[in-house]
Protein backbone atom coordinates (compact mmCIF):
# COMPACT_ATOMS: atom_id res chain seq x y z
CA MET A 1 112.79 40.71 133.86
CA SER A 2 112.11 44.52 133.88
CA ALA A 3 114.75 46.36 132.43
CA HIS A 4 114.59 48.73 135.66
CA PRO A 5 116.12 48.21 138.96
CA TYR A 6 113.22 49.26 140.98
CA PRO A 7 109.97 47.81 141.02
CA GLU A 8 107.13 49.86 138.68
CA PHE A 9 105.18 52.21 140.24
CA THR A 10 102.22 54.58 138.07
CA PHE A 11 100.36 57.79 138.28
CA PHE A 12 97.90 58.84 136.21
CA SER A 13 99.61 61.24 133.57
CA ARG A 14 98.36 64.23 134.84
CA PHE A 15 100.26 64.18 138.08
CA VAL A 16 103.68 63.99 135.93
CA THR A 17 104.33 67.86 135.62
CA ASP A 18 103.55 68.18 139.75
CA ILE A 19 106.00 64.92 140.73
CA GLN A 20 108.65 66.10 138.85
CA ALA A 21 108.34 69.89 139.99
CA GLY A 22 108.14 68.75 144.00
CA ARG A 23 104.41 70.39 144.41
CA LYS A 24 102.86 66.16 144.63
CA THR A 25 104.96 64.80 147.45
CA ILE A 26 102.31 62.14 148.65
CA THR A 27 100.00 59.85 147.18
CA ILE A 28 96.94 57.79 148.80
CA ARG A 29 96.29 54.71 147.73
CA ASP A 30 94.21 51.64 149.11
CA GLU A 31 95.67 48.20 150.66
CA ARG A 32 97.10 46.74 147.24
CA GLU A 33 99.74 49.50 147.39
CA ALA A 34 100.40 49.73 151.19
CA HIS A 35 103.20 47.41 151.03
CA TRP A 36 106.33 49.79 150.19
CA GLN A 37 108.62 50.04 152.85
CA PRO A 38 110.54 53.67 153.64
CA GLY A 39 113.72 54.00 152.07
CA GLN A 40 112.40 51.61 149.11
CA ARG A 41 113.27 52.91 145.49
CA LEU A 42 110.20 52.74 142.72
CA ALA A 43 110.45 53.52 139.20
CA LEU A 44 107.70 55.41 137.92
CA PHE A 45 105.29 55.02 134.96
CA THR A 46 102.65 57.02 133.75
CA ASN A 47 99.04 55.29 133.30
CA PRO A 48 97.68 54.28 131.41
CA GLU A 49 100.23 55.15 128.77
CA HIS A 50 103.24 53.34 130.61
CA GLN A 51 105.87 56.06 130.57
CA PRO A 52 108.92 56.27 132.64
CA PHE A 53 109.26 59.55 133.79
CA GLY A 54 111.50 59.26 137.19
CA THR A 55 112.34 57.51 140.43
CA ILE A 56 110.93 57.68 144.12
CA GLU A 57 112.25 56.94 147.25
CA VAL A 58 109.37 56.10 149.76
CA ILE A 59 109.41 57.92 152.88
CA SER A 60 106.57 56.71 155.01
CA VAL A 61 103.54 54.62 154.50
CA LYS A 62 100.48 55.69 156.84
CA ALA A 63 97.13 54.61 157.13
CA VAL A 64 94.79 56.92 156.89
CA ALA A 65 90.57 56.78 157.00
CA PHE A 66 89.20 59.09 154.18
CA ASP A 67 87.21 61.37 156.85
CA GLU A 68 90.63 62.22 158.13
CA LEU A 69 92.09 63.52 155.21
CA SER A 70 93.46 66.77 156.08
CA ASP A 71 94.50 70.11 153.98
CA GLU A 72 98.18 68.38 154.53
CA HIS A 73 97.45 65.56 152.64
CA ALA A 74 95.90 68.06 150.15
CA ARG A 75 98.95 70.63 150.05
CA GLN A 76 100.87 67.77 149.76
CA GLU A 77 98.74 66.75 147.07
CA ASN A 78 98.94 70.05 145.05
CA MET A 79 95.40 70.04 145.30
CA THR A 80 92.95 71.47 147.49
CA LEU A 81 90.77 69.26 150.01
CA PRO A 82 87.61 68.85 148.26
CA ASP A 83 89.40 68.28 144.53
CA LEU A 84 91.14 65.37 146.63
CA LYS A 85 88.16 64.05 148.49
CA GLN A 86 86.25 64.13 144.62
CA VAL A 87 89.35 62.44 143.01
CA ILE A 88 89.74 59.93 145.47
CA ARG A 89 86.04 59.15 145.54
CA ASN A 90 86.43 58.79 141.69
CA ILE A 91 89.48 56.23 142.27
CA TYR A 92 88.49 54.36 145.32
CA PRO A 93 83.85 54.55 145.39
CA ASP A 94 83.74 52.09 148.12
CA LEU A 95 86.24 54.06 150.23
CA PRO A 96 88.53 51.24 151.88
CA LEU A 97 91.34 52.30 154.12
CA LEU A 98 93.51 53.98 152.00
CA TYR A 99 97.56 54.44 152.88
CA ALA A 100 99.22 58.01 152.57
CA ILE A 101 102.47 57.32 150.60
CA GLU A 102 104.90 60.23 151.65
CA PHE A 103 107.92 60.11 149.06
CA LYS A 104 110.85 62.15 147.33
CA LEU A 105 111.70 62.35 143.78
CA ILE A 106 115.53 61.50 143.54
CA ALA A 107 115.89 60.98 139.62
């Protein structure tokens, strides 16, 4: 049984500072991580170190095609649109249907 009251959700370590500072308020994931519901709380851990670093509350989960990614998505990710697209290409080379998970840090 997990020691945390909420399901675990991971981010690459390089995003921790931006999340904790409120500069990163969405994450783009594939269908494997699109099942979260608005209002659900998730315990945050770094990937791959598995260090806890906070708790978020899901605001929304919306399908978004790669070609529909916008400057607003990039702003919410705290990066430029070209950088965001490159990061997504690196993580999801087959470019599946993606989901923008909007969240707020609560702890």
